[in-house]
Amino acid sequence: MRYFPLVGALLILLACRSKERIEISFPNGGVNYSSDVETLGENFYQYPFKDSLSYWDSVTEAYWGPIFFSSFEESNLSLHSPAENTFRLIYETSLGHYASIIILTQDQVVVKAIRSGFLYEHLGDSLLTETERWHFELLNLGMIKPSYRDKYFDSLTNAMPTLRNPAYHLYLFRKGWYRKNKEFTYKTWRKRLSREKYLYFVNKLNASEFWNVGRSPLCTNGDMDGFGFLLEAATLKKYQTVGFTSCPELPLLNQFCRELMRFSGLVDAKKEWIDKLSSETKRKQEAN
């Protein structure tokens, strides 16, 4: 009996040592956290970049970010310094037909991947009034066609200042485009990380192009498979995010992301989902 307190103290000491923070030195790059996060900013992901984004990118981020991250019950990493260095990789197709998240911390990898349903539900424009539908079409053209925007949009917004109001823009999107799909579900699994494996991944990321490229680097001749990455690093002192497709200009960053996917089991999970979707599509075709 007299040894129990000693054993208990030893277990506590070992537990504390196992949770010791691994000190990491990061390359230059990234941005500082904002010291004054506005209340509305809590739902603006990539918040430290808000003042450097174009009007169109700001509206897009304010619209899609809350839908995506709330669907996976994920917090906004860009607002404050975290309790520990956290890296989050998003891998998805356009419009959320496939979506997944990998969270890397010093002792584990957490994966959240689509189980059923699509991430977004298309509303259509039937809920919009005739005037709203026209405005919605103008704004969509402005978002997807810079040539149209440069040539016509300034004169249109001078005539209709409402079109320059981001709150109105978001109102139209939320009323007549997409929303969170209530039928979407995801599954979660975890994988433990050794200290050596954690340092391997972090060093691999630090040696890549991640810290020294822009938020949305221009990629040419990438894979046209419809999938894209968004990688965030929320370190104790700074934040960085890069969104890209399979970009030949970023070979080391591509390699990091795909290796993390393989290690976490996401590659196999994606294949299972594609096989399941193909089987369901085939059954429906045969039934018709």
Protein backbone atom coordinates (compact mmCIF):
# COMPACT_ATOMS: atom_id res chain seq x y z
CA MET A 1 0.00 0.00 0.00
CA ARG A 2 2.83 2.39 0.83
CA TYR A 3 3.97 2.29 -2.82
CA PHE A 4 0.62 3.50 -4.24
CA PRO A 5 1.27 7.25 -3.67
CA LEU A 6 4.68 6.88 -5.34
CA VAL A 7 3.17 5.04 -8.32
CA GLY A 8 0.40 7.65 -8.60
CA ALA A 9 2.90 10.50 -8.54
CA LEU A 10 4.97 8.78 -11.22
CA LEU A 11 1.94 8.32 -13.48
CA ILE A 12 1.01 11.98 -13.08
CA LEU A 13 4.58 13.01 -13.90
CA LEU A 14 4.61 10.84 -17.02
CA ALA A 15 1.25 12.23 -18.13
CA CYS A 16 2.47 15.79 -17.70
CA ARG A 17 5.67 15.08 -19.58
CA SER A 18 3.74 13.47 -22.44
CA LYS A 19 1.77 16.70 -22.85
CA GLU A 20 4.76 18.99 -22.86
CA ARG A 21 4.58 21.44 -25.73
CA ILE A 22 6.94 20.66 -28.58
CA GLU A 23 8.73 23.89 -29.43
CA ILE A 24 8.78 24.67 -33.15
CA SER A 25 10.55 27.44 -35.05
CA PHE A 26 8.60 28.53 -38.12
CA PRO A 27 9.95 30.31 -41.21
CA ASN A 28 9.10 33.92 -41.95
CA GLY A 29 5.69 34.46 -43.49
CA GLY A 30 2.09 34.35 -42.38
CA VAL A 31 0.28 37.15 -40.53
CA ASN A 32 -0.28 38.15 -36.92
CA TYR A 33 -3.63 37.56 -35.25
CA SER A 34 -5.89 40.60 -35.08
CA SER A 35 -6.02 42.27 -31.69
CA ASP A 36 -9.60 43.47 -32.13
CA VAL A 37 -11.91 40.83 -33.58
CA GLU A 38 -15.29 42.33 -34.33
CA THR A 39 -18.36 40.37 -33.26
CA LEU A 40 -19.39 39.78 -36.86
CA GLY A 41 -15.84 38.69 -37.61
CA GLU A 42 -16.28 35.50 -35.61
CA ASN A 43 -17.96 33.99 -38.67
CA PHE A 44 -15.37 35.36 -41.08
CA TYR A 45 -12.81 32.65 -41.63
CA GLN A 46 -9.28 33.69 -42.60
CA TYR A 47 -10.01 36.80 -40.55
CA PRO A 48 -6.48 38.32 -40.48
CA PHE A 49 -6.64 38.64 -44.27
CA LYS A 50 -9.97 40.48 -44.30
CA ASP A 51 -8.52 43.91 -45.11
CA SER A 52 -6.43 42.62 -47.99
CA LEU A 53 -9.24 40.78 -49.78
CA SER A 54 -11.12 42.18 -52.73
CA TYR A 55 -14.80 42.94 -52.31
CA TRP A 56 -15.67 39.76 -54.21
CA ASP A 57 -13.35 37.51 -52.21
CA SER A 58 -14.66 38.99 -48.95
CA VAL A 59 -18.27 38.22 -49.85
CA THR A 60 -17.36 34.71 -50.98
CA GLU A 61 -15.47 34.02 -47.75
CA ALA A 62 -18.28 35.43 -45.58
CA TYR A 63 -20.81 33.27 -47.43
CA TRP A 64 -19.14 29.88 -47.84
CA GLY A 65 -16.96 29.79 -44.71
CA PRO A 66 -19.70 29.54 -42.06
CA ILE A 67 -21.65 26.94 -44.06
CA PHE A 68 -18.62 24.71 -44.58
CA PHE A 69 -17.08 24.84 -41.11
CA SER A 70 -20.36 24.64 -39.19
CA SER A 71 -21.26 21.51 -41.19
CA PHE A 72 -18.15 19.84 -39.73
CA GLU A 73 -18.55 21.51 -36.32
CA GLU A 74 -15.19 23.22 -36.72
CA SER A 75 -14.05 26.41 -35.01
CA ASN A 76 -12.51 29.49 -36.60
CA LEU A 77 -8.75 29.02 -36.24
CA SER A 78 -7.91 32.46 -37.60
CA LEU A 79 -9.20 34.56 -34.69
CA HIS A 80 -6.87 33.90 -31.77
CA SER A 81 -3.68 32.14 -30.82
CA PRO A 82 -4.58 28.49 -30.09
CA ALA A 83 -3.60 26.43 -27.05
CA GLU A 84 -1.23 24.48 -29.29
CA ASN A 85 0.04 24.69 -32.86
CA THR A 86 -2.77 23.43 -35.08
CA PHE A 87 -2.75 22.62 -38.79
CA ARG A 88 -6.00 22.03 -40.70
CA LEU A 89 -6.19 20.63 -44.21
CA ILE A 90 -9.42 20.82 -46.19
CA TYR A 91 -9.84 18.63 -49.26
CA GLU A 92 -13.02 19.02 -51.30
CA THR A 93 -14.64 19.32 -54.68
CA SER A 94 -16.48 22.41 -55.80
CA LEU A 95 -19.96 22.72 -54.26
CA GLY A 96 -19.12 20.14 -51.60
CA HIS A 97 -19.90 16.92 -53.47
CA TYR A 98 -16.96 15.49 -51.54
CA ALA A 99 -15.52 17.21 -48.48
CA SER A 100 -13.11 16.29 -45.72
CA ILE A 101 -10.90 17.84 -43.04
CA ILE A 102 -7.66 16.71 -41.40
CA ILE A 103 -6.55 18.38 -38.15
CA LEU A 104 -2.91 17.85 -37.19
CA THR A 105 -1.70 18.57 -33.64
CA GLN A 106 1.35 17.35 -31.79
CA ASP A 107 -0.18 14.13 -30.48
CA GLN A 108 -2.82 13.12 -33.03
CA VAL A 109 -4.45 13.48 -36.41
CA VAL A 110 -8.22 13.91 -36.46
CA VAL A 111 -10.08 13.23 -39.70
CA LYS A 112 -13.62 14.26 -40.58
CA ALA A 113 -14.94 12.96 -43.88
CA ILE A 114 -18.29 12.91 -45.62
CA ARG A 115 -20.50 9.96 -44.71
CA SER A 116 -23.69 10.78 -46.58
CA GLY A 117 -25.40 13.60 -48.43
CA PHE A 118 -23.84 16.60 -50.12
CA LEU A 119 -22.44 19.46 -48.10
CA TYR A 120 -24.61 22.16 -49.67
CA GLU A 121 -28.29 22.26 -50.59
CA HIS A 122 -29.18 24.25 -53.68
CA LEU A 123 -32.11 26.59 -53.09
CA GLY A 124 -32.65 27.91 -56.61
CA ASP A 125 -33.79 31.44 -57.27
CA SER A 126 -37.55 30.84 -56.95
CA LEU A 127 -37.57 32.52 -53.53
CA LEU A 128 -36.15 35.73 -54.99
CA THR A 129 -38.33 38.54 -56.28
CA GLU A 130 -37.98 39.53 -59.93
CA THR A 131 -35.74 42.47 -59.02
CA GLU A 132 -33.67 40.37 -56.62
CA ARG A 133 -33.22 37.71 -59.29
CA TRP A 134 -31.90 40.29 -61.71
CA HIS A 135 -29.51 41.70 -59.11
CA PHE A 136 -28.41 38.18 -58.22
CA GLU A 137 -27.54 37.43 -61.85
CA LEU A 138 -25.59 40.69 -62.16
CA LEU A 139 -23.62 39.96 -59.01
CA ASN A 140 -22.86 36.41 -60.12
CA LEU A 141 -21.58 37.68 -63.45
CA GLY A 142 -19.41 40.13 -61.58
CA MET A 143 -17.93 37.34 -59.49
CA ILE A 144 -17.11 34.88 -62.24
CA LYS A 145 -16.22 37.24 -65.11
CA PRO A 146 -13.61 39.87 -64.26
CA SER A 147 -13.82 41.25 -67.81
CA TYR A 148 -17.53 41.95 -67.29
CA ARG A 149 -16.84 43.43 -63.89
CA ASP A 150 -14.13 45.75 -65.19
CA LYS A 151 -16.18 46.91 -68.15
CA TYR A 152 -19.68 47.30 -66.75
CA PHE A 153 -19.91 46.88 -63.01
CA ASP A 154 -18.68 50.28 -61.87
CA SER A 155 -21.29 52.05 -64.00
CA LEU A 156 -24.00 49.67 -62.80
CA THR A 157 -23.18 50.21 -59.15
CA ASN A 158 -23.13 53.96 -59.66
CA ALA A 159 -26.69 53.67 -60.92
CA MET A 160 -27.66 51.08 -58.28
CA PRO A 161 -25.53 51.62 -55.13
CA THR A 162 -27.34 48.73 -53.41
CA LEU A 163 -25.25 46.34 -55.49
CA ARG A 164 -22.14 47.56 -53.69
CA ASN A 165 -23.56 46.69 -50.28
CA PRO A 166 -21.99 43.40 -49.10
CA ALA A 167 -24.87 42.80 -46.68
CA TYR A 168 -27.31 42.88 -49.62
CA HIS A 169 -25.02 40.64 -51.63
CA LEU A 170 -24.95 38.07 -48.80
CA TYR A 171 -28.69 38.37 -48.33
CA LEU A 172 -29.26 37.38 -51.97
CA PHE A 173 -26.82 34.47 -51.72
CA ARG A 174 -28.43 33.10 -48.58
CA LYS A 175 -31.92 33.47 -49.96
CA GLY A 176 -31.39 32.19 -53.49
CA TRP A 177 -28.26 30.07 -53.81
CA TYR A 178 -27.01 27.40 -51.39
CA ARG A 179 -27.37 26.61 -47.72
CA LYS A 180 -26.21 23.98 -45.27
CA ASN A 181 -27.66 20.59 -46.18
CA LYS A 182 -29.52 19.09 -43.22
CA GLU A 183 -29.00 15.59 -44.66
CA PHE A 184 -25.20 15.92 -44.68
CA THR A 185 -23.39 13.70 -42.16
CA TYR A 186 -19.73 13.04 -41.56
CA LYS A 187 -17.64 10.42 -39.80
CA THR A 188 -14.63 11.00 -37.55
CA TRP A 189 -11.57 8.95 -36.77
CA ARG A 190 -8.28 9.63 -34.99
CA LYS A 191 -4.74 8.44 -35.34
CA ARG A 192 -2.07 8.88 -32.66
CA LEU A 193 1.15 10.68 -33.55
CA SER A 194 4.58 10.04 -32.13
CA ARG A 195 6.81 13.02 -31.43
CA GLU A 196 9.02 11.96 -34.35
CA LYS A 197 6.13 11.73 -36.81
CA TYR A 198 4.75 15.10 -35.74
CA LEU A 199 8.13 16.76 -36.24
CA TYR A 200 8.46 14.99 -39.59
CA PHE A 201 5.22 16.54 -40.86
CA VAL A 202 5.89 20.00 -39.45
CA ASN A 203 9.43 20.10 -40.83
CA LYS A 204 8.13 18.93 -44.19
CA LEU A 205 5.59 21.75 -44.20
CA ASN A 206 8.19 24.32 -43.14
CA ALA A 207 10.46 23.21 -45.98
CA SER A 208 7.65 23.66 -48.53
CA GLU A 209 6.41 26.79 -50.28
CA PHE A 210 3.60 27.23 -47.72
CA TRP A 211 4.89 30.18 -45.68
CA ASN A 212 6.04 32.26 -48.64
CA VAL A 213 3.21 32.14 -51.15
CA GLY A 214 0.07 34.21 -51.28
CA ARG A 215 -3.27 33.15 -49.92
CA SER A 216 -4.49 32.06 -53.38
CA PRO A 217 -1.47 31.40 -55.63
CA LEU A 218 -2.05 31.28 -59.36
CA CYS A 219 -1.59 27.71 -60.61
CA THR A 220 -1.20 26.58 -64.22
CA ASN A 221 -1.57 23.13 -65.75
CA GLY A 222 -2.76 21.51 -62.52
CA ASP A 223 -4.85 18.34 -62.30
CA MET A 224 -8.39 18.93 -63.55
CA ASP A 225 -10.03 16.46 -61.16
CA GLY A 226 -12.25 19.06 -59.47
CA PHE A 227 -10.53 18.70 -56.08
CA GLY A 228 -8.75 21.43 -54.19
CA PHE A 229 -6.85 22.02 -50.95
CA LEU A 230 -7.09 24.69 -48.29
CA LEU A 231 -4.35 24.46 -45.67
CA GLU A 232 -4.33 26.53 -42.47
CA ALA A 233 -1.59 26.88 -39.88
CA ALA A 234 -2.70 28.39 -36.57
CA THR A 235 0.51 28.61 -34.59
CA LEU A 236 0.99 30.20 -31.20
CA LYS A 237 2.23 33.44 -32.76
CA LYS A 238 0.88 33.69 -36.31
CA TYR A 239 -1.61 32.41 -38.88
CA GLN A 240 -1.24 31.36 -42.50
CA THR A 241 -3.59 29.87 -45.08
CA VAL A 242 -3.12 28.80 -48.69
CA GLY A 243 -5.82 27.55 -51.05
CA PHE A 244 -4.77 25.74 -54.23
CA THR A 245 -5.44 22.87 -56.62
CA SER A 246 -2.84 20.26 -57.61
CA CYS A 247 -0.41 23.03 -58.45
CA PRO A 248 2.85 22.26 -60.35
CA GLU A 249 4.29 25.51 -58.96
CA LEU A 250 3.95 24.13 -55.40
CA PRO A 251 5.47 20.62 -55.60
CA LEU A 252 6.59 20.38 -51.97
CA LEU A 253 3.28 21.67 -50.61
CA ASN A 254 1.38 19.22 -52.81
CA GLN A 255 3.60 16.44 -51.54
CA PHE A 256 2.97 17.41 -47.91
CA CYS A 257 -0.82 17.43 -48.35
CA ARG A 258 -0.97 14.10 -50.16
CA GLU A 259 1.35 12.42 -47.69
CA LEU A 260 -0.79 13.64 -44.79
CA MET A 261 -3.87 12.29 -46.59
CA ARG A 262 -2.27 8.87 -47.01
CA PHE A 263 -1.06 8.73 -43.41
CA SER A 264 -4.48 9.69 -42.03
CA GLY A 265 -6.38 7.14 -44.13
CA LEU A 266 -8.25 9.76 -46.14
CA VAL A 267 -7.14 8.39 -49.52
CA ASP A 268 -8.86 5.07 -48.77
CA ALA A 269 -11.93 6.84 -47.39
CA LYS A 270 -12.26 8.92 -50.56
CA LYS A 271 -12.03 5.79 -52.72
CA GLU A 272 -14.76 4.11 -50.64
CA TRP A 273 -17.00 7.15 -51.07
CA ILE A 274 -16.44 7.27 -54.86
CA ASP A 275 -17.15 3.52 -55.17
CA LYS A 276 -20.32 3.93 -53.08
CA LEU A 277 -21.50 6.88 -55.17
CA SER A 278 -20.81 4.99 -58.41
CA SER A 279 -22.79 1.98 -57.18
CA GLU A 280 -25.74 4.15 -56.15
CA THR A 281 -25.72 5.94 -59.50
CA LYS A 282 -25.61 2.61 -61.35
CA ARG A 283 -28.54 1.24 -59.33
CA LYS A 284 -30.63 4.31 -60.09
CA GLN A 285 -29.85 4.04 -63.80
CA GLU A 286 -30.78 0.36 -63.84
CA ALA A 287 -34.02 1.10 -61.94
CA ASN A 288 -35.02 3.59 -64.62
